[in-house]
């Protein structure tokens, strides 16, 4: 039996390819900026450290939930470039679902008076 050992170059190519796929798995992590704590925000978002993450949480407490990712740029220390860099990581889904019967509410009754 003749068993060939792969060349060192082929081994490194396979390792490099594996690392590339591993990197894309981590890059797809998303964070809900309306529910995440400061530690999670700092870990997931690029160029957002502990201080900026705390500023995001504080802004959210004062102004309510974010309606768009671009609104994150209103937080002191966060610019549009930071928002653009993190666009694929930001989720703004509202944590509170809409009431199921909201559309089924009856219309307000009108009172018509005749003279």
N, C-alpha and C. Protein backbone atom coordinates (compact mmCIF):
# COMPACT_ATOMS: atom_id res chain seq x y z
N UNK A 1 0.83 -1.18 0.00
CA UNK A 1 0.00 0.00 0.00
C UNK A 1 0.87 1.24 0.00
N UNK A 2 0.45 2.17 -0.82
CA UNK A 2 1.19 3.42 -0.92
C UNK A 2 0.29 4.55 -0.43
N UNK A 3 0.55 5.05 0.75
CA UNK A 3 -0.25 6.13 1.34
C UNK A 3 0.54 7.42 1.19
N UNK A 4 -0.12 8.43 0.56
CA UNK A 4 0.55 9.71 0.36
C UNK A 4 0.15 10.66 1.48
N UNK A 5 1.09 11.33 2.02
CA UNK A 5 0.85 12.34 3.04
C UNK A 5 0.67 13.67 2.31
N UNK A 6 -0.43 14.40 2.62
CA UNK A 6 -0.65 15.67 1.92
C UNK A 6 0.51 16.64 2.17
N UNK A 7 0.75 17.43 1.19
CA UNK A 7 1.84 18.39 1.33
C UNK A 7 1.49 19.44 2.38
N UNK A 8 2.47 20.07 2.90
CA UNK A 8 2.29 21.10 3.92
C UNK A 8 1.46 22.26 3.38
N UNK A 9 1.66 22.59 2.11
CA UNK A 9 0.92 23.68 1.48
C UNK A 9 -0.58 23.36 1.46
N UNK A 10 -0.93 22.15 1.09
CA UNK A 10 -2.33 21.74 1.05
C UNK A 10 -2.94 21.75 2.44
N UNK A 11 -2.19 21.36 3.42
CA UNK A 11 -2.66 21.37 4.80
C UNK A 11 -2.95 22.80 5.27
N UNK A 12 -2.07 23.72 4.96
CA UNK A 12 -2.29 25.12 5.34
C UNK A 12 -3.47 25.74 4.59
N UNK A 13 -3.66 25.36 3.34
CA UNK A 13 -4.81 25.86 2.59
C UNK A 13 -6.12 25.40 3.22
N UNK A 14 -6.16 24.15 3.62
CA UNK A 14 -7.36 23.63 4.27
C UNK A 14 -7.62 24.32 5.60
N UNK A 15 -6.56 24.57 6.35
CA UNK A 15 -6.70 25.27 7.63
C UNK A 15 -7.19 26.70 7.42
N UNK A 16 -6.64 27.38 6.44
CA UNK A 16 -7.05 28.75 6.14
C UNK A 16 -8.52 28.80 5.72
N UNK A 17 -8.94 27.86 4.90
CA UNK A 17 -10.33 27.81 4.47
C UNK A 17 -11.26 27.56 5.66
N UNK A 18 -10.87 26.71 6.55
CA UNK A 18 -11.67 26.44 7.75
C UNK A 18 -11.80 27.68 8.61
N UNK A 19 -10.73 28.42 8.76
CA UNK A 19 -10.77 29.64 9.57
C UNK A 19 -11.64 30.71 8.93
N UNK A 20 -11.65 30.76 7.61
CA UNK A 20 -12.50 31.74 6.92
C UNK A 20 -13.97 31.44 7.19
N UNK A 21 -14.36 30.18 7.11
CA UNK A 21 -15.75 29.82 7.38
C UNK A 21 -16.11 30.07 8.84
N UNK A 22 -15.18 29.84 9.72
CA UNK A 22 -15.40 30.08 11.14
C UNK A 22 -15.63 31.57 11.39
N UNK A 23 -14.88 32.42 10.72
CA UNK A 23 -15.02 33.86 10.87
C UNK A 23 -16.37 34.38 10.42
N UNK A 24 -16.90 33.80 9.33
CA UNK A 24 -18.20 34.25 8.86
C UNK A 24 -19.31 33.83 9.81
N UNK A 25 -19.13 32.74 10.53
CA UNK A 25 -20.14 32.32 11.50
C UNK A 25 -20.24 33.33 12.63
N UNK A 26 -19.11 33.85 13.09
CA UNK A 26 -19.13 34.84 14.15
C UNK A 26 -19.63 36.19 13.65
N UNK A 27 -19.38 36.49 12.39
CA UNK A 27 -19.77 37.78 11.83
C UNK A 27 -21.27 37.91 11.70
N UNK A 28 -21.99 36.81 11.68
CA UNK A 28 -23.43 36.87 11.48
C UNK A 28 -24.20 37.06 12.78
N UNK A 29 -23.52 37.20 13.89
CA UNK A 29 -24.21 37.40 15.17
C UNK A 29 -24.91 38.76 15.16
N UNK A 30 -26.16 38.77 15.59
CA UNK A 30 -26.94 40.00 15.63
C UNK A 30 -27.26 40.35 17.07
N UNK A 31 -27.56 41.63 17.29
CA UNK A 31 -27.94 42.08 18.61
C UNK A 31 -29.15 43.00 18.48
N UNK A 32 -30.13 42.78 19.34
CA UNK A 32 -31.31 43.63 19.36
C UNK A 32 -30.97 44.84 20.22
N UNK A 33 -30.87 46.00 19.59
CA UNK A 33 -30.46 47.20 20.33
C UNK A 33 -31.56 47.71 21.24
N UNK A 34 -32.76 47.13 21.15
CA UNK A 34 -33.85 47.53 22.04
C UNK A 34 -33.93 46.69 23.30
N UNK A 35 -33.23 45.56 23.34
CA UNK A 35 -33.31 44.69 24.51
C UNK A 35 -31.96 44.30 25.11
N UNK A 36 -30.89 44.42 24.36
CA UNK A 36 -29.58 43.95 24.82
C UNK A 36 -29.02 44.81 25.93
N UNK A 37 -28.27 44.16 26.81
CA UNK A 37 -27.57 44.91 27.86
C UNK A 37 -26.27 45.48 27.30
N UNK A 38 -25.63 46.32 28.08
CA UNK A 38 -24.43 47.02 27.62
C UNK A 38 -23.30 46.05 27.28
N UNK A 39 -23.14 44.99 28.06
CA UNK A 39 -22.06 44.04 27.81
C UNK A 39 -22.24 43.35 26.46
N UNK A 40 -23.46 42.99 26.13
CA UNK A 40 -23.73 42.34 24.85
C UNK A 40 -23.51 43.30 23.69
N UNK A 41 -23.97 44.53 23.84
CA UNK A 41 -23.76 45.54 22.80
C UNK A 41 -22.27 45.74 22.53
N UNK A 42 -21.50 45.84 23.59
CA UNK A 42 -20.05 46.06 23.44
C UNK A 42 -19.37 44.86 22.79
N UNK A 43 -19.85 43.67 23.07
CA UNK A 43 -19.24 42.46 22.53
C UNK A 43 -19.55 42.27 21.05
N UNK A 44 -20.77 42.57 20.63
CA UNK A 44 -21.20 42.26 19.27
C UNK A 44 -20.90 43.39 18.29
N UNK A 45 -21.07 44.63 18.70
CA UNK A 45 -20.92 45.74 17.76
C UNK A 45 -19.46 46.18 17.64
N UNK A 46 -19.02 46.41 16.41
CA UNK A 46 -17.66 46.90 16.15
C UNK A 46 -17.55 48.36 16.55
N UNK A 47 -16.42 48.74 17.10
CA UNK A 47 -16.12 50.12 17.53
C UNK A 47 -17.08 50.64 18.59
N UNK A 48 -17.67 49.74 19.35
CA UNK A 48 -18.53 50.13 20.47
C UNK A 48 -17.96 49.45 21.71
N UNK A 49 -17.37 50.26 22.58
CA UNK A 49 -16.83 49.74 23.82
C UNK A 49 -17.84 49.86 24.94
N UNK A 50 -17.36 49.65 26.15
CA UNK A 50 -18.25 49.66 27.32
C UNK A 50 -18.93 51.01 27.51
N UNK A 51 -18.21 52.11 27.34
CA UNK A 51 -18.79 53.44 27.56
C UNK A 51 -19.88 53.75 26.54
N UNK A 52 -19.62 53.45 25.27
CA UNK A 52 -20.63 53.71 24.23
C UNK A 52 -21.83 52.79 24.40
N UNK A 53 -21.59 51.56 24.81
CA UNK A 53 -22.69 50.63 25.04
C UNK A 53 -23.58 51.12 26.19
N UNK A 54 -22.97 51.63 27.23
CA UNK A 54 -23.75 52.21 28.34
C UNK A 54 -24.55 53.42 27.86
N UNK A 55 -23.96 54.21 26.98
CA UNK A 55 -24.67 55.38 26.43
C UNK A 55 -25.88 54.94 25.61
N UNK A 56 -25.76 53.83 24.90
CA UNK A 56 -26.89 53.30 24.12
C UNK A 56 -28.02 52.88 25.06
N UNK A 57 -27.68 52.18 26.10
CA UNK A 57 -28.69 51.72 27.07
C UNK A 57 -29.35 52.92 27.74
N UNK A 58 -28.57 53.92 28.11
CA UNK A 58 -29.12 55.11 28.76
C UNK A 58 -30.03 55.88 27.81
N UNK A 59 -29.62 56.02 26.56
CA UNK A 59 -30.46 56.70 25.57
C UNK A 59 -31.80 55.97 25.41
N UNK A 60 -31.73 54.65 25.39
CA UNK A 60 -32.93 53.84 25.25
C UNK A 60 -33.87 54.02 26.45
N UNK A 61 -33.30 54.14 27.63
CA UNK A 61 -34.12 54.37 28.84
C UNK A 61 -34.83 55.72 28.77
N UNK A 62 -34.12 56.73 28.29
CA UNK A 62 -34.68 58.08 28.26
C UNK A 62 -35.65 58.31 27.11
N UNK A 63 -35.39 57.71 25.94
CA UNK A 63 -36.15 58.01 24.73
C UNK A 63 -37.03 56.87 24.24
N UNK A 64 -36.95 55.73 24.85
CA UNK A 64 -37.74 54.59 24.39
C UNK A 64 -37.01 53.78 23.34
N UNK A 65 -37.71 52.82 22.79
CA UNK A 65 -37.11 51.88 21.84
C UNK A 65 -36.69 52.58 20.55
N UNK A 66 -35.63 52.05 19.96
CA UNK A 66 -35.17 52.56 18.66
C UNK A 66 -36.14 52.10 17.58
N UNK A 67 -36.47 52.99 16.67
CA UNK A 67 -37.37 52.65 15.57
C UNK A 67 -36.60 52.27 14.31
N UNK A 68 -35.33 52.63 14.25
CA UNK A 68 -34.49 52.27 13.10
C UNK A 68 -33.04 52.19 13.57
N UNK A 69 -32.23 51.51 12.79
CA UNK A 69 -30.81 51.41 13.13
C UNK A 69 -30.14 52.77 13.04
N UNK A 70 -30.58 53.60 12.09
CA UNK A 70 -29.99 54.93 11.90
C UNK A 70 -30.20 55.82 13.12
N UNK A 71 -31.26 55.58 13.87
CA UNK A 71 -31.53 56.37 15.07
C UNK A 71 -30.44 56.18 16.12
N UNK A 72 -29.71 55.10 16.01
CA UNK A 72 -28.60 54.83 16.93
C UNK A 72 -27.54 55.93 16.83
N UNK A 73 -27.45 56.61 15.69
CA UNK A 73 -26.46 57.68 15.50
C UNK A 73 -26.78 58.90 16.36
N UNK A 74 -27.96 58.96 16.95
CA UNK A 74 -28.30 60.07 17.83
C UNK A 74 -27.69 59.91 19.23
N UNK A 75 -27.16 58.73 19.50
CA UNK A 75 -26.51 58.48 20.79
C UNK A 75 -25.14 59.15 20.77
N UNK A 76 -24.84 59.86 21.83
CA UNK A 76 -23.54 60.54 21.91
C UNK A 76 -22.40 59.52 21.80
N UNK A 77 -21.49 59.79 20.87
CA UNK A 77 -20.34 58.91 20.66
C UNK A 77 -20.53 57.90 19.55
N UNK A 78 -21.75 57.78 19.04
CA UNK A 78 -22.03 56.84 17.95
C UNK A 78 -22.29 57.67 16.69
N UNK A 79 -21.53 57.41 15.65
CA UNK A 79 -21.72 58.14 14.40
C UNK A 79 -22.35 57.26 13.34
N UNK A 80 -22.68 57.88 12.22
CA UNK A 80 -23.29 57.13 11.12
C UNK A 80 -22.35 56.05 10.57
N UNK A 81 -21.05 56.32 10.58
CA UNK A 81 -20.10 55.31 10.09
C UNK A 81 -20.15 54.05 10.96
N UNK A 82 -20.26 54.23 12.26
CA UNK A 82 -20.36 53.09 13.16
C UNK A 82 -21.64 52.32 12.89
N UNK A 83 -22.73 53.04 12.67
CA UNK A 83 -24.00 52.38 12.36
C UNK A 83 -23.89 51.62 11.05
N UNK A 84 -23.30 52.21 10.03
CA UNK A 84 -23.14 51.55 8.73
C UNK A 84 -22.28 50.31 8.83
N UNK A 85 -21.18 50.38 9.61
CA UNK A 85 -20.30 49.23 9.78
C UNK A 85 -21.02 48.06 10.45
N UNK A 86 -21.97 48.39 11.30
CA UNK A 86 -22.67 47.36 12.08
C UNK A 86 -24.07 47.06 11.56
N UNK A 87 -24.40 47.53 10.38
CA UNK A 87 -25.77 47.36 9.86
C UNK A 87 -26.21 45.90 9.84
N UNK A 88 -25.30 44.99 9.51
CA UNK A 88 -25.66 43.58 9.45
C UNK A 88 -25.73 42.93 10.82
N UNK A 89 -25.31 43.63 11.85
CA UNK A 89 -25.32 43.10 13.21
C UNK A 89 -26.46 43.65 14.06
N UNK A 90 -27.11 44.70 13.58
CA UNK A 90 -28.13 45.40 14.37
C UNK A 90 -29.52 44.85 14.05
N UNK A 91 -30.25 44.53 15.10
CA UNK A 91 -31.64 44.10 14.99
C UNK A 91 -32.46 45.08 15.82
N UNK A 92 -33.58 45.54 15.28
CA UNK A 92 -34.40 46.50 16.02
C UNK A 92 -35.80 45.98 16.29
N UNK A 93 -35.99 44.67 16.19
CA UNK A 93 -37.31 44.09 16.42
C UNK A 93 -37.86 44.53 17.77
N UNK A 94 -39.10 44.94 17.77
CA UNK A 94 -39.76 45.37 18.99
C UNK A 94 -40.02 44.14 19.86
N UNK A 95 -39.55 44.13 21.11
CA UNK A 95 -39.71 42.96 21.95
C UNK A 95 -41.15 42.70 22.36
N UNK A 96 -42.01 43.72 22.34
CA UNK A 96 -43.39 43.52 22.76
C UNK A 96 -44.28 43.34 21.53
N UNK A 97 -44.86 42.16 21.38
CA UNK A 97 -45.70 41.92 20.21
C UNK A 97 -46.98 42.73 20.27
N UNK A 98 -47.52 43.06 19.11
CA UNK A 98 -48.77 43.81 19.04
C UNK A 98 -49.90 42.94 19.55
N UNK A 99 -50.90 43.53 20.17
CA UNK A 99 -52.03 42.74 20.64
C UNK A 99 -52.70 42.03 19.47
N UNK A 100 -53.13 40.80 19.68
CA UNK A 100 -53.71 40.00 18.60
C UNK A 100 -55.03 40.58 18.10
N UNK A 101 -55.83 41.13 18.98
CA UNK A 101 -57.14 41.62 18.59
C UNK A 101 -57.17 43.13 18.37
N UNK A 102 -56.03 43.72 18.10
CA UNK A 102 -55.97 45.17 17.93
C UNK A 102 -56.82 45.61 16.74
N UNK A 103 -56.82 44.85 15.67
CA UNK A 103 -57.59 45.23 14.48
C UNK A 103 -59.07 44.92 14.65
N UNK A 104 -59.41 44.08 15.62
CA UNK A 104 -60.79 43.64 15.78
C UNK A 104 -61.59 44.55 16.71
N UNK A 105 -60.98 45.64 17.19
CA UNK A 105 -61.70 46.54 18.08
C UNK A 105 -62.84 47.21 17.32
N UNK A 106 -63.98 47.36 17.95
CA UNK A 106 -65.09 48.02 17.27
C UNK A 106 -64.82 49.50 17.09
N UNK A 107 -65.37 50.05 16.04
CA UNK A 107 -65.21 51.48 15.76
C UNK A 107 -65.96 52.28 16.82
N UNK A 108 -65.46 53.48 17.05
CA UNK A 108 -66.11 54.35 18.03
C UNK A 108 -67.51 54.72 17.54
N UNK A 109 -68.45 54.77 18.46
CA UNK A 109 -69.83 55.09 18.09
C UNK A 109 -69.97 56.58 17.94
N UNK A 110 -70.67 56.98 16.91
CA UNK A 110 -70.93 58.39 16.68
C UNK A 110 -72.37 58.69 17.12
N UNK A 111 -72.47 59.77 17.81
CA UNK A 111 -73.78 60.21 18.24
C UNK A 111 -74.24 61.30 17.29
N UNK A 112 -75.37 61.07 16.64
CA UNK A 112 -75.90 62.04 15.70
C UNK A 112 -77.17 62.64 16.33
N UNK A 113 -77.17 63.93 16.45
CA UNK A 113 -78.34 64.61 17.02
C UNK A 113 -79.07 65.32 15.92
N UNK A 114 -80.35 65.15 15.93
CA UNK A 114 -81.17 65.85 14.94
C UNK A 114 -81.94 66.95 15.65
N UNK A 115 -82.07 68.10 14.98
CA UNK A 115 -82.79 69.21 15.63
C UNK A 115 -84.28 69.07 15.62
